[in-house]
Structure formats: C-alpha cells, structure tokens
Amino acid sequence: MKRLFAAAGWIGLAALAGCKEGVLNPKGPIAFAELQILYNSTGIMLAIVVPTIIATLGVAFWFRASNRRARYRPDFEHSGRLELLVWAIPIMTVLLVGSVAWVGSHDLDPKRRIESTARPVRVQVISLDWKWLFIYPDEGVATVNQLTIPVGRPVTFELTGSGVMNSFFVPQLGSQMYTMAGMVTNLNLQADHEGIYRGLSAEFSGDGFAGMRFTVHAMNDGNYAKWLADAQSAGQSLNADTYTELAKPSAAVVPITYGTVASNIFDSIVNAAIAECRGQRK
C-alpha cells in the first residue's frame, strides 16, 4: 500500500512538473485572474463531489450483507428532508459556479482594455499556414513566429487569419482568441514578469499545425527599446509582394524580422479575405 501511495505521489509530481509553462503558472494579470476562476470553480464543485463520494462509500459500507443493523425498507417512497438535501446542494453549487463564471466573463472580456497608466502596445496578428505574423503598426516593424513585448505595459491585439481558422494562445498570459479570415477579433494581455513564454495555435489547421508555434519575449523598457531599434534597422520590408510569398504554406519557419511595413497592410489583408468570401458566395 505504501508503494502504491508513493507511486501515485511521484506520478502527481511528474504531471505538475509540466505546468511550469502552462496556465497554472501565470505571468500576467489576465492569466492570474483566470487561474483564480479555475481554483474557485474547483473548490465550489468539490463541495458536492467530496460529500457525494463519501456518502456513496458510506452507504455501500452500511448496507453490506454482513451488517445486521441496516434496515431493509422496500416500501420507502418519499422523504421531504432527504429531497431537500439532495436538491439544495446541487442548486447552490450551480448558482455559485454560475456566479463565478458570469462575473469572470465580464471582468475578463477580451475586448476590455487593461487599466494602466502606461501606453499600450498595439500588435496586429495574422495566422498563416503554418506560422504567425506580428505587425507593430505604430512602430513600423513586423516579425514572424516571434512576439516581443514590454513588461508592465498592456498589449492590444487585433487578430485575423489568411485561411482556415486558428486560435492564438499564450498559456502563461491567458485568454486564447480565434483568428478568422475576413474578421478581426480583439484581445488585451499584459506580461508582469520578464521571460520567454510559449505561444501556439490551439486549433488544428492542417499538416503543419504541430510546428505552428511562436516565442514571446517579455522585456523591460530598456531592452524593448533596444530590440525595437534593432528591428527597425532590419533590411527586409513587409509589403504586398513579400506578404504574398510569406502567405504560401510552409512549416517550421524560423523567426523573421521586417524593418519596414507597408501602410494599411493589415486592413488590406482583412478586406481581401472579405472580397474573396463574397466572390465565393456569388
């Protein structure tokens, strides 16, 4: 028995060891708030799960064949007190969990701006086959499969897609958001700690899906300014021609930096997808 408990303990530790880059290790206010909702919901549900398990084991033990004190009542039909107990606990659980979900869905609305005295960073995200394009419209640079953000400043994302639907997700920063061709979705995140975080697509999108990952670098203001200056000095330019070439399906793409970006290219991509959809409907 001791060996069984020891094995279970080691399995639990091994499972939790993989959470260092996941939702259980938040690095921003949105991810932390989502973790609190997870904990609160789990705690509330345990209030009915644990007593139910104990009651099941207790009933099985008490009504075992060898227990002569257990009363056999084949004609039992109704008990008001028992009905009240059976229904009151689930109703309270549903109300509490529903309240937590309702409050959280409003407080953590993806479109809701994060309150901060710092100026937010605007990033336009485009999901491609099978890579991620990040455009910084205010800074005039763009990157592929690498997202760099300053610590302590909100990041406002505008997301769209070039083809099939994808899902933008940085587990340690929170809130995955879908990207769809011809549509723009919004997301607000923030990193509170310097570090390198894992980003991925949470929606299957074809052969190259497994490699559709990106790296998030959260830097202090000084390092972010240095990175931005280096990015702006990069020789490549993101324009209609380079985007057309980039949009072709390709997997395991190494990070690319564009020092200049054509104006309104994000809107052009969205509008082109809308026009294509309208043409297909005709």
Foldseek 3Di string as FASTA:
>chain_A
DVVVVVVVVVVVVVVVVVCCQFLVPAQFDLSVLVVVLVVQLVVLVCVPVVVVVVVVVVVCVCPPPPNPPDDDDPPDDDDPVVVCVVPVSVVVSCVRNVVSVVVSCVVFVFQDEDDDPDDEFEWEWEQAQAWIKIARQVLFKIKIQEAEEEAPHKYKYKAAYLDDKWWKDFRNFDDIHIHYALDIDIGITHGHDFDKHKIATPDDDDDQRVQRIHIYGYHHPVVVVVVSVVLLPDDAEADPVVVVVVRPRDHPDDMDMHNGYDPPPSVVRSVVRVVVVVVVVD
